[in-house]
Amino acid sequence: MINMKCDRKMKLNDVKTDNSSLLADADVAVVGGGVVGCAVARRMVLEGASVVLIEKAADILDGASKGNSAILHTGFDAPVGTLEWECVQRGYEEYLEIREDMNLPLLKSGALVAAWTEEEEARFSDILKKGTENEVKDLHLLSRSETLALEPNLSGNVRAAIAVPREYVMDPWSTPLAYLMQALENGGKALFNAAVTGGEFNGDKWLLRTARGTVRARYVINCAGLYGDILDRDLLGSSEFTIKPRKGQFVVFDKAANNLVRSIILPVPTKRTKGIVLFPTIFGNLMVGPTAEEQDGRDDASVAKDILNELRVQAIKKLPGLSHIPVTATYAGIRSATERPEYRIREDTDRNWITLGGIRSTGLTSALGLARYVHGLLMEQGAHFSAVANPSIPRVPNLAEHLPRDYESPGYGEIVCHCEMVTQREIKAVMEDELMPAGSLSGLKRRTRVTMGRCQGFYCSAHLAELTEGKFAEPIAVGETDE
């Protein structure tokens, strides 16, 4: 990116711009197509703003958002009285309000904060106290026998647990997709393969330069995640935080493990991390992770065999039945941590700029709350929009294993991915979507589950390459799994 300070006296017309390259002229430009960016775009469109979302990748969720744990958090262990707690609470409530209309699945699993040592059990009183202060009042203690009665396949070494009844499992990819689809259906715009390379503010509006052309907007919302600090430095001249990438590796067990545990098994958290979680997925698998590894690279999502083996060992210690279950997949996500644990919100009212930084593990839940918070900040800055009356509400296809899937209805053509039972009809619908077709194999995977099963694309990638020929900038190579 270009490091250029903004000259408030510069007139927009004075900037040398090829008008033919102007891709959008909007009230609000949202930079970053992760879950927070998609939620902000949706909220601002519903509030009546003209919005353009700018994403450097070929599809949404290409950065930190693709590697989340897919848990709908109650906020019982959030820092008391913080913006994070407030946004988690608001996001949780709004998600439950909108999910049925958008066909977003929810696995009402509940969670158990399990203690495996005397030291961990001794910290239960603090967890319960914080839960009460955070207005999550249905937490309750379970003895060892009560814990095993609820989850009989857990190791007998478990000492006790705190039940968190309203922690649920959600779809980590269809959720932000639904947010952005609603923005697009109600007049928003999304630009992909459009990395921001520079920009100027003239005292009234921004002119952002991207890899595809220019975007003009009155307000800019920086939701760039792992690159949020860099975007601030390049366009504002400074950043109030520094991203400290934190890698989280995961192990995915085969669907045969699905019946071993019903609850999300949470560790007793530390000041640094929520710890390693054992949890069912909406897709019928069982997962363990994430680790919390500090690193310099913002794009290094590689996995390490020794760490993955240790994750598997830890999972088996807690759930012995996993010892005979094969591992389907392994992967890593990178969290947008900073030098401080709290959300890092920057508001530059002189330059119509808001940055949402340091949004980590609670981001999937808090995104809707953050979006409302951003709208409030813009209103305080003097922005005025008229909310959309009777907005269109999209319904995303169901990918959850516990609900009816596309292959169960006639006319699907053929099964393309037998591991995940993905149909030709599903792939065709995603590739031919009028508003936002999949832009890459990664995007196609997250919208259909194709290549995400036991064979990881070994058997279906050749057919996928045929079905998507000419559709992606980077064609699918036979045998490619992409992640």
Protein backbone atom coordinates (compact mmCIF):
# COMPACT_ATOMS: atom_id res chain seq x y z
CA MET A 1 0.00 0.00 0.00
CA ILE A 2 1.00 3.58 -0.52
CA ASN A 3 1.78 5.63 2.56
CA MET A 4 0.15 8.97 1.88
CA LYS A 5 -1.15 11.49 4.38
CA CYS A 6 -4.43 13.15 3.50
CA ASP A 7 -4.60 16.81 2.59
CA ARG A 8 -7.95 18.04 3.89
CA LYS A 9 -7.74 21.11 1.67
CA MET A 10 -7.46 19.04 -1.48
CA LYS A 11 -10.59 19.11 -3.59
CA LEU A 12 -11.80 15.82 -4.98
CA ASN A 13 -11.89 17.29 -8.46
CA ASP A 14 -8.21 18.23 -8.06
CA VAL A 15 -7.25 14.56 -7.72
CA LYS A 16 -6.19 13.21 -11.08
CA THR A 17 -8.70 10.45 -11.63
CA ASP A 18 -9.79 8.60 -14.70
CA ASN A 19 -13.56 8.86 -14.30
CA SER A 20 -13.97 5.70 -16.34
CA SER A 21 -12.26 3.83 -13.49
CA LEU A 22 -14.76 5.02 -10.85
CA LEU A 23 -16.31 1.75 -9.68
CA ALA A 24 -18.66 3.13 -7.04
CA ASP A 25 -19.82 6.39 -5.49
CA ALA A 26 -21.34 5.61 -2.08
CA ASP A 27 -22.15 6.98 1.31
CA VAL A 28 -20.12 4.27 3.02
CA ALA A 29 -17.17 2.16 1.87
CA VAL A 30 -16.52 -0.94 3.99
CA VAL A 31 -13.00 -2.32 3.53
CA GLY A 32 -12.79 -6.04 4.27
CA GLY A 33 -15.11 -8.93 3.48
CA GLY A 34 -14.82 -10.88 6.72
CA VAL A 35 -17.75 -11.48 9.05
CA VAL A 36 -17.49 -8.00 10.58
CA GLY A 37 -17.32 -6.26 7.20
CA CYS A 38 -20.32 -8.23 5.91
CA ALA A 39 -22.33 -7.40 9.03
CA VAL A 40 -21.45 -3.69 8.83
CA ALA A 41 -22.37 -3.56 5.14
CA ARG A 42 -25.74 -5.16 5.91
CA ARG A 43 -26.55 -2.82 8.78
CA MET A 44 -25.63 0.33 6.87
CA VAL A 45 -27.69 -0.73 3.84
CA LEU A 46 -30.70 -1.48 6.06
CA GLU A 47 -30.29 1.95 7.65
CA GLY A 48 -30.57 3.51 4.20
CA ALA A 49 -26.95 4.24 3.24
CA SER A 50 -25.52 3.51 -0.17
CA VAL A 51 -22.73 1.01 0.54
CA VAL A 52 -19.85 -0.61 -1.28
CA LEU A 53 -17.85 -3.43 0.30
CA ILE A 54 -14.26 -3.68 -0.94
CA GLU A 55 -12.46 -7.02 -0.63
CA LYS A 56 -8.96 -7.83 -1.88
CA ALA A 57 -9.68 -11.55 -2.38
CA ALA A 58 -11.92 -13.24 -4.93
CA ASP A 59 -14.59 -14.05 -2.34
CA ILE A 60 -15.62 -13.23 1.20
CA LEU A 61 -14.09 -14.80 4.36
CA ASP A 62 -10.64 -15.24 2.84
CA GLY A 63 -8.83 -13.91 5.94
CA ALA A 64 -9.22 -14.49 9.68
CA SER A 65 -12.97 -15.17 9.48
CA LYS A 66 -12.60 -18.46 7.63
CA GLY A 67 -10.86 -20.11 10.60
CA ASN A 68 -13.26 -19.39 13.46
CA SER A 69 -14.72 -21.90 15.91
CA ALA A 70 -18.36 -21.30 14.87
CA ILE A 71 -19.68 -20.80 18.41
CA LEU A 72 -22.50 -18.41 19.27
CA HIS A 73 -21.18 -16.91 22.50
CA THR A 74 -23.30 -15.65 25.39
CA GLY A 75 -20.48 -13.43 26.61
CA PHE A 76 -20.43 -15.09 30.04
CA ASP A 77 -16.63 -14.81 30.21
CA ALA A 78 -16.17 -11.49 28.36
CA PRO A 79 -14.43 -8.61 30.15
CA VAL A 80 -17.17 -7.06 32.27
CA GLY A 81 -18.67 -3.79 31.03
CA THR A 82 -16.57 -3.62 27.88
CA LEU A 83 -17.55 -2.86 24.29
CA GLU A 84 -16.84 -6.51 23.46
CA TRP A 85 -19.35 -7.66 26.07
CA GLU A 86 -21.96 -5.17 24.83
CA CYS A 87 -21.52 -6.17 21.18
CA VAL A 88 -21.58 -9.90 21.98
CA GLN A 89 -24.85 -9.45 23.85
CA ARG A 90 -26.43 -7.39 21.07
CA GLY A 91 -25.08 -9.66 18.35
CA TYR A 92 -26.36 -12.77 20.10
CA GLU A 93 -29.85 -11.31 20.43
CA GLU A 94 -30.04 -10.08 16.83
CA TYR A 95 -28.76 -13.36 15.42
CA LEU A 96 -31.55 -15.25 17.18
CA GLU A 97 -34.06 -12.71 15.85
CA ILE A 98 -33.05 -13.02 12.18
CA ARG A 99 -31.71 -16.53 11.75
CA GLU A 100 -34.97 -18.33 10.94
CA ASP A 101 -35.97 -15.80 8.28
CA MET A 102 -32.52 -16.21 6.67
CA ASN A 103 -32.55 -20.01 7.03
CA LEU A 104 -29.44 -19.94 9.23
CA PRO A 105 -29.08 -23.19 11.21
CA LEU A 106 -28.36 -23.46 14.91
CA LEU A 107 -27.27 -26.50 16.88
CA LYS A 108 -28.59 -25.98 20.40
CA SER A 109 -25.76 -27.85 22.03
CA GLY A 110 -25.10 -25.89 25.19
CA ALA A 111 -21.60 -25.79 26.62
CA LEU A 112 -19.73 -27.19 29.60
CA VAL A 113 -16.73 -25.43 31.14
CA ALA A 114 -14.98 -28.59 32.32
CA ALA A 115 -12.43 -28.77 35.11
CA TRP A 116 -9.86 -31.56 34.91
CA THR A 117 -7.67 -30.46 37.81
CA GLU A 118 -8.20 -29.18 41.33
CA GLU A 119 -6.67 -25.85 40.31
CA GLU A 120 -9.14 -25.43 37.45
CA GLU A 121 -12.09 -26.30 39.66
CA ALA A 122 -10.94 -23.71 42.20
CA ARG A 123 -11.45 -21.00 39.55
CA PHE A 124 -15.12 -21.85 39.06
CA SER A 125 -16.28 -19.27 41.59
CA ASP A 126 -14.64 -16.49 39.58
CA ILE A 127 -16.25 -17.75 36.35
CA LEU A 128 -19.69 -17.87 37.94
CA LYS A 129 -19.23 -14.41 39.41
CA LYS A 130 -18.20 -12.97 36.04
CA GLY A 131 -21.16 -14.69 34.36
CA THR A 132 -23.55 -13.03 36.79
CA GLU A 133 -21.90 -9.63 36.27
CA ASN A 134 -22.24 -10.17 32.51
CA GLU A 135 -25.98 -10.83 32.93
CA VAL A 136 -25.69 -14.48 31.90
CA LYS A 137 -27.69 -15.77 34.81
CA ASP A 138 -28.37 -19.38 33.82
CA LEU A 139 -24.87 -20.70 34.52
CA HIS A 140 -24.89 -23.50 37.07
CA LEU A 141 -22.50 -25.98 38.63
CA LEU A 142 -22.52 -29.68 37.78
CA SER A 143 -20.87 -32.30 39.92
CA ARG A 144 -18.73 -35.02 38.38
CA SER A 145 -21.67 -37.44 38.32
CA GLU A 146 -24.01 -34.82 36.85
CA THR A 147 -21.44 -33.95 34.17
CA LEU A 148 -21.01 -37.60 33.19
CA ALA A 149 -24.76 -38.13 33.19
CA LEU A 150 -25.04 -35.35 30.63
CA GLU A 151 -21.94 -36.40 28.65
CA PRO A 152 -21.28 -40.08 29.49
CA ASN A 153 -18.43 -40.44 26.97
CA LEU A 154 -16.21 -37.89 28.68
CA SER A 155 -13.23 -39.21 30.58
CA GLY A 156 -13.96 -40.18 34.16
CA ASN A 157 -11.13 -37.83 35.15
CA VAL A 158 -13.42 -34.85 34.79
CA ARG A 159 -13.95 -33.27 38.22
CA ALA A 160 -16.89 -30.94 37.65
CA ALA A 161 -18.32 -28.50 35.11
CA ILE A 162 -20.19 -25.25 34.73
CA ALA A 163 -23.16 -25.57 32.41
CA VAL A 164 -23.66 -22.73 29.93
CA PRO A 165 -27.03 -23.69 28.42
CA ARG A 166 -27.26 -20.97 25.75
CA GLU A 167 -23.88 -21.38 24.04
CA TYR A 168 -24.68 -22.83 20.62
CA VAL A 169 -22.98 -24.03 17.43
CA MET A 170 -23.67 -22.05 14.26
CA ASP A 171 -22.71 -22.12 10.56
CA PRO A 172 -19.51 -20.06 10.34
CA TRP A 173 -19.72 -19.40 6.60
CA SER A 174 -23.38 -19.17 5.63
CA THR A 175 -23.91 -16.58 8.36
CA PRO A 176 -21.71 -13.77 6.93
CA LEU A 177 -22.81 -14.80 3.44
CA ALA A 178 -26.41 -14.12 4.45
CA TYR A 179 -25.42 -10.73 5.87
CA LEU A 180 -23.76 -9.62 2.64
CA MET A 181 -26.47 -11.10 0.45
CA GLN A 182 -29.03 -8.99 2.29
CA ALA A 183 -26.89 -5.92 1.72
CA LEU A 184 -26.68 -6.68 -2.00
CA GLU A 185 -30.35 -7.52 -2.40
CA ASN A 186 -31.24 -4.14 -0.92
CA GLY A 187 -28.99 -2.02 -3.11
CA GLY A 188 -25.45 -2.54 -1.77
CA LYS A 189 -22.45 -3.36 -3.92
CA ALA A 190 -19.43 -5.63 -3.44
CA LEU A 191 -16.09 -5.41 -5.22
CA PHE A 192 -13.72 -8.38 -5.19
CA ASN A 193 -10.07 -8.64 -6.23
CA ALA A 194 -9.94 -4.97 -5.25
CA ALA A 195 -7.13 -4.47 -2.74
CA VAL A 196 -6.96 -0.86 -1.53
CA THR A 197 -3.69 0.67 -2.74
CA GLY A 198 -4.09 4.28 -1.61
CA GLY A 199 -6.49 7.14 -1.17
CA GLU A 200 -7.12 10.80 -0.34
CA PHE A 201 -9.66 12.69 1.72
CA ASN A 202 -10.72 16.14 0.54
CA GLY A 203 -12.48 17.30 3.68
CA ASP A 204 -15.80 15.88 2.54
CA LYS A 205 -15.26 12.57 0.76
CA TRP A 206 -12.68 9.83 0.31
CA LEU A 207 -11.30 8.70 -3.00
CA LEU A 208 -9.95 5.19 -2.54
CA ARG A 209 -7.72 3.58 -5.14
CA THR A 210 -8.06 -0.17 -5.55
CA ALA A 211 -6.51 -2.80 -7.78
CA ARG A 212 -9.61 -2.56 -10.00
CA GLY A 213 -10.28 1.18 -10.05
CA THR A 214 -11.41 3.97 -7.73
CA VAL A 215 -14.19 4.23 -5.16
CA ARG A 216 -15.61 7.47 -3.84
CA ALA A 217 -17.30 7.47 -0.42
CA ARG A 218 -18.20 9.94 2.31
CA TYR A 219 -17.35 7.50 5.13
CA VAL A 220 -14.85 4.64 5.34
CA ILE A 221 -15.20 1.72 7.77
CA ASN A 222 -11.94 -0.22 8.11
CA CYS A 223 -12.80 -3.90 8.72
CA ALA A 224 -9.58 -5.19 7.18
CA GLY A 225 -8.84 -7.60 10.03
CA LEU A 226 -5.27 -8.86 9.84
CA TYR A 227 -4.33 -5.81 7.78
CA GLY A 228 -6.39 -3.20 9.62
CA ASP A 229 -3.37 -1.51 11.20
CA ILE A 230 -1.58 -1.30 7.85
CA LEU A 231 -4.62 0.26 6.17
CA ASP A 232 -4.79 2.88 8.94
CA ARG A 233 -1.09 3.71 8.59
CA ASP A 234 -1.23 3.94 4.81
CA LEU A 235 -4.32 6.15 4.57
CA LEU A 236 -4.37 8.00 7.89
CA GLY A 237 -0.64 8.21 8.49
CA SER A 238 -0.69 6.27 11.77
CA SER A 239 -2.31 3.34 13.56
CA GLU A 240 -3.37 3.13 17.20
CA PHE A 241 -2.66 -0.60 17.39
CA THR A 242 -0.44 -3.26 15.86
CA ILE A 243 -1.73 -6.62 14.69
CA LYS A 244 0.03 -9.51 16.42
CA PRO A 245 -1.08 -12.52 14.36
CA ARG A 246 -2.12 -15.49 16.48
CA LYS A 247 -2.39 -18.84 14.74
CA GLY A 248 -4.95 -21.41 15.83
CA GLN A 249 -4.60 -24.98 14.56
CA PHE A 250 -7.57 -27.37 14.46
CA VAL A 251 -8.10 -31.10 14.07
CA VAL A 252 -11.35 -32.31 12.48
CA PHE A 253 -12.51 -35.81 13.41
CA ASP A 254 -14.64 -37.95 11.11
CA LYS A 255 -18.42 -37.86 11.33
CA ALA A 256 -18.33 -41.16 13.21
CA ALA A 257 -17.43 -39.05 16.27
CA ASN A 258 -20.66 -37.08 16.03
CA ASN A 259 -22.51 -39.15 18.64
CA LEU A 260 -19.75 -39.09 21.23
CA VAL A 261 -20.54 -35.64 22.65
CA ARG A 262 -23.44 -33.23 22.35
CA SER A 263 -22.08 -30.20 24.21
CA ILE A 264 -19.31 -27.75 23.50
CA ILE A 265 -16.56 -28.75 25.94
CA LEU A 266 -14.83 -25.55 27.02
CA PRO A 267 -11.62 -25.32 29.04
CA VAL A 268 -11.20 -23.06 32.03
CA PRO A 269 -10.00 -19.88 30.24
CA THR A 270 -6.80 -17.98 30.95
CA LYS A 271 -6.08 -14.27 30.66
CA ARG A 272 -4.45 -14.87 27.27
CA THR A 273 -6.79 -17.29 25.55
CA LYS A 274 -10.11 -19.10 25.81
CA GLY A 275 -8.10 -22.28 25.38
CA ILE A 276 -8.57 -25.45 23.39
CA VAL A 277 -12.19 -26.44 22.81
CA LEU A 278 -13.74 -29.79 21.90
CA PHE A 279 -16.92 -29.15 19.98
CA PRO A 280 -19.41 -30.58 17.50
CA THR A 281 -19.79 -28.76 14.20
CA ILE A 282 -22.94 -27.88 12.33
CA PHE A 283 -21.65 -30.18 9.56
CA GLY A 284 -21.66 -33.36 11.66
CA ASN A 285 -17.97 -33.52 12.60
CA LEU A 286 -16.19 -33.13 15.92
CA MET A 287 -13.30 -30.67 16.25
CA VAL A 288 -10.57 -29.81 18.71
CA GLY A 289 -8.71 -26.49 18.76
CA PRO A 290 -7.61 -23.83 18.40
CA THR A 291 -4.07 -23.43 19.61
CA ALA A 292 -2.78 -19.91 20.33
CA GLU A 293 0.58 -19.40 18.64
CA GLU A 294 2.14 -15.96 18.26
CA GLN A 295 3.79 -15.41 14.88
CA ASP A 296 4.93 -12.63 12.58
CA GLY A 297 3.35 -13.82 9.33
CA ARG A 298 -0.17 -12.60 8.61
CA ASP A 299 -0.74 -15.18 5.87
CA ASP A 300 1.05 -18.20 7.33
CA ALA A 301 -1.78 -20.64 7.99
CA SER A 302 0.45 -23.71 7.82
CA VAL A 303 -0.03 -26.60 10.22
CA ALA A 304 2.58 -28.51 12.21
CA LYS A 305 2.38 -32.29 12.58
CA ASP A 306 3.63 -32.35 16.18
CA ILE A 307 1.09 -29.74 17.30
CA LEU A 308 -1.74 -31.52 15.51
CA ASN A 309 -0.74 -34.80 17.14
CA GLU A 310 -0.78 -33.10 20.53
CA LEU A 311 -4.26 -31.71 19.84
CA ARG A 312 -5.46 -35.21 19.01
CA VAL A 313 -3.88 -36.60 22.19
CA GLN A 314 -5.55 -33.92 24.30
CA ALA A 315 -8.90 -34.61 22.67
CA ILE A 316 -8.61 -38.35 23.36
CA LYS A 317 -7.72 -37.70 27.00
CA LYS A 318 -11.00 -35.84 27.41
CA LEU A 319 -13.06 -38.07 25.11
CA PRO A 320 -11.47 -41.56 24.99
CA GLY A 321 -13.84 -42.78 22.28
CA LEU A 322 -11.96 -40.64 19.79
CA SER A 323 -9.00 -43.02 19.87
CA HIS A 324 -10.61 -45.13 17.13
CA ILE A 325 -11.96 -42.23 15.06
CA PRO A 326 -9.90 -41.10 12.04
CA VAL A 327 -8.99 -37.48 11.45
CA THR A 328 -10.74 -36.07 8.39
CA ALA A 329 -8.91 -32.78 8.07
CA THR A 330 -6.54 -30.34 9.73
CA TYR A 331 -6.28 -26.61 9.20
CA ALA A 332 -5.22 -23.35 10.81
CA GLY A 333 -6.79 -19.92 11.18
CA ILE A 334 -5.09 -16.66 12.11
CA ARG A 335 -6.71 -14.36 14.65
CA SER A 336 -6.35 -10.58 14.47
CA ALA A 337 -4.87 -10.17 17.93
CA THR A 338 -3.18 -6.92 18.99
CA GLU A 339 -0.86 -5.90 21.82
CA ARG A 340 -3.94 -5.52 24.06
CA PRO A 341 -6.85 -7.96 24.55
CA GLU A 342 -9.75 -5.55 24.03
CA TYR A 343 -11.42 -4.51 20.77
CA ARG A 344 -9.47 -1.64 19.18
CA ILE A 345 -11.94 0.92 17.82
CA ARG A 346 -10.60 4.10 16.22
CA GLU A 347 -12.84 6.98 15.24
CA ASP A 348 -11.33 9.81 13.20
CA THR A 349 -14.23 12.24 12.99
CA ASP A 350 -12.20 14.81 11.05
CA ARG A 351 -11.71 12.35 8.23
CA ASN A 352 -14.96 10.36 8.34
CA TRP A 353 -13.11 7.16 9.24
CA ILE A 354 -13.85 4.32 11.69
CA THR A 355 -11.57 1.33 12.31
CA LEU A 356 -12.74 -1.91 13.89
CA GLY A 357 -9.54 -3.66 14.97
CA GLY A 358 -8.51 -6.51 17.24
CA ILE A 359 -11.76 -8.45 16.74
CA ARG A 360 -10.82 -11.98 17.70
CA SER A 361 -12.63 -15.13 18.84
CA THR A 362 -15.97 -13.49 19.65
CA GLY A 363 -16.22 -11.72 16.29
CA LEU A 364 -18.70 -14.14 14.72
CA THR A 365 -21.15 -13.41 17.54
CA SER A 366 -20.38 -9.74 18.07
CA ALA A 367 -20.39 -8.74 14.37
CA LEU A 368 -24.05 -7.72 14.36
CA GLY A 369 -23.56 -5.75 17.58
CA LEU A 370 -20.47 -4.06 16.17
CA ALA A 371 -22.44 -3.11 13.07
CA ARG A 372 -25.07 -1.37 15.19
CA TYR A 373 -22.31 0.35 17.15
CA VAL A 374 -20.78 1.70 13.93
CA HIS A 375 -24.14 3.03 12.81
CA GLY A 376 -24.43 4.85 16.13
CA LEU A 377 -21.00 6.41 15.69
CA LEU A 378 -21.91 7.67 12.23
CA MET A 379 -25.12 9.18 13.55
CA GLU A 380 -23.07 11.04 16.17
CA GLN A 381 -20.86 12.33 13.36
CA GLY A 382 -23.92 13.84 11.70
CA ALA A 383 -24.71 11.17 9.12
CA HIS A 384 -28.39 10.88 8.29
CA PHE A 385 -29.99 8.01 6.41
CA SER A 386 -33.57 6.81 6.02
CA ALA A 387 -33.99 3.13 6.91
CA VAL A 388 -35.14 0.78 4.16
CA ALA A 389 -38.83 -0.03 4.44
CA ASN A 390 -39.68 -3.74 4.10
CA PRO A 391 -36.17 -4.88 3.15
CA SER A 392 -35.66 -8.04 1.14
CA ILE A 393 -34.53 -10.99 3.28
CA PRO A 394 -32.45 -13.69 1.57
CA ARG A 395 -32.56 -17.35 2.57
CA VAL A 396 -29.27 -19.16 2.26
CA PRO A 397 -29.12 -22.88 1.41
CA ASN A 398 -28.85 -25.20 4.40
CA LEU A 399 -25.51 -26.95 4.93
CA ALA A 400 -26.22 -28.27 8.43
CA GLU A 401 -26.15 -32.02 8.85
CA HIS A 402 -29.04 -32.18 11.33
CA LEU A 403 -31.45 -30.48 8.90
CA PRO A 404 -32.69 -31.52 5.42
CA ARG A 405 -30.01 -31.22 2.74
CA ASP A 406 -30.37 -30.60 -0.99
CA TYR A 407 -29.66 -34.23 -1.98
CA GLU A 408 -32.80 -35.27 -0.10
CA SER A 409 -34.99 -33.46 -2.65
CA PRO A 410 -35.49 -34.83 -6.18
CA GLY A 411 -34.01 -33.18 -9.24
CA TYR A 412 -30.54 -32.48 -7.88
CA GLY A 413 -28.81 -33.90 -10.96
CA GLU A 414 -25.99 -35.91 -9.45
CA ILE A 415 -23.89 -36.11 -6.32
CA VAL A 416 -20.59 -34.38 -7.08
CA CYS A 417 -18.94 -34.68 -3.66
CA HIS A 418 -19.93 -38.00 -2.08
CA CYS A 419 -18.11 -37.36 1.20
CA GLU A 420 -20.23 -34.30 1.98
CA MET A 421 -23.17 -35.20 -0.29
CA VAL A 422 -22.94 -32.00 -2.35
CA THR A 423 -25.16 -31.96 -5.43
CA GLN A 424 -24.65 -30.62 -8.92
CA ARG A 425 -27.69 -28.41 -8.35
CA GLU A 426 -26.04 -26.77 -5.33
CA ILE A 427 -22.82 -26.07 -7.21
CA LYS A 428 -24.66 -24.70 -10.22
CA ALA A 429 -26.76 -22.39 -8.02
CA VAL A 430 -23.66 -20.94 -6.33
CA MET A 431 -21.75 -20.48 -9.58
CA GLU A 432 -24.70 -18.83 -11.34
CA ASP A 433 -25.84 -16.59 -8.49
CA GLU A 434 -26.78 -13.24 -10.07
CA LEU A 435 -25.60 -11.05 -7.20
CA MET A 436 -22.49 -12.81 -5.94
CA PRO A 437 -21.31 -16.02 -7.59
CA ALA A 438 -18.46 -17.88 -5.92
CA GLY A 439 -15.18 -16.29 -6.97
CA SER A 440 -12.79 -19.10 -6.06
CA LEU A 441 -12.59 -22.70 -4.97
CA SER A 442 -12.38 -21.43 -1.38
CA GLY A 443 -15.63 -19.54 -1.81
CA LEU A 444 -17.31 -22.55 -3.43
CA LYS A 445 -16.20 -24.79 -0.57
CA ARG A 446 -17.58 -22.48 2.08
CA ARG A 447 -20.92 -22.21 0.29
CA THR A 448 -21.46 -25.91 -0.45
CA ARG A 449 -19.00 -28.04 1.67
CA VAL A 450 -17.59 -29.54 -1.54
CA THR A 451 -14.11 -31.18 -1.08
CA MET A 452 -14.34 -30.79 2.71
CA GLY A 453 -14.96 -34.44 3.57
CA ARG A 454 -12.86 -37.55 4.09
CA CYS A 455 -11.08 -37.55 0.73
CA GLN A 456 -10.47 -33.77 0.77
CA GLY A 457 -11.30 -33.50 -2.94
CA PHE A 458 -9.27 -36.47 -4.16
CA TYR A 459 -12.21 -38.03 -5.99
CA CYS A 460 -14.31 -35.02 -6.98
CA SER A 461 -11.79 -32.31 -7.93
CA ALA A 462 -11.57 -33.43 -11.59
CA HIS A 463 -15.34 -33.16 -11.97
CA LEU A 464 -15.30 -29.84 -10.11
CA ALA A 465 -12.69 -28.53 -12.53
CA GLU A 466 -15.06 -29.37 -15.39
CA LEU A 467 -18.09 -27.79 -13.74
CA THR A 468 -16.24 -24.55 -12.94
CA GLU A 469 -14.18 -24.27 -16.13
CA GLY A 470 -13.81 -20.61 -17.11
CA LYS A 471 -15.49 -19.40 -13.89
CA PHE A 472 -12.48 -18.73 -11.65
CA ALA A 473 -9.46 -16.53 -12.29
CA GLU A 474 -7.38 -19.43 -10.98
CA PRO A 475 -8.75 -22.70 -12.41
CA ILE A 476 -9.05 -25.72 -10.14
CA ALA A 477 -6.13 -28.11 -10.49
CA VAL A 478 -7.06 -31.80 -10.29
CA GLY A 479 -6.52 -33.00 -6.73
CA GLU A 480 -6.54 -29.43 -5.35
CA THR A 481 -8.12 -28.87 -1.95
CA ASP A 482 -7.08 -25.18 -1.66
CA GLU A 483 -6.63 -25.11 2.14
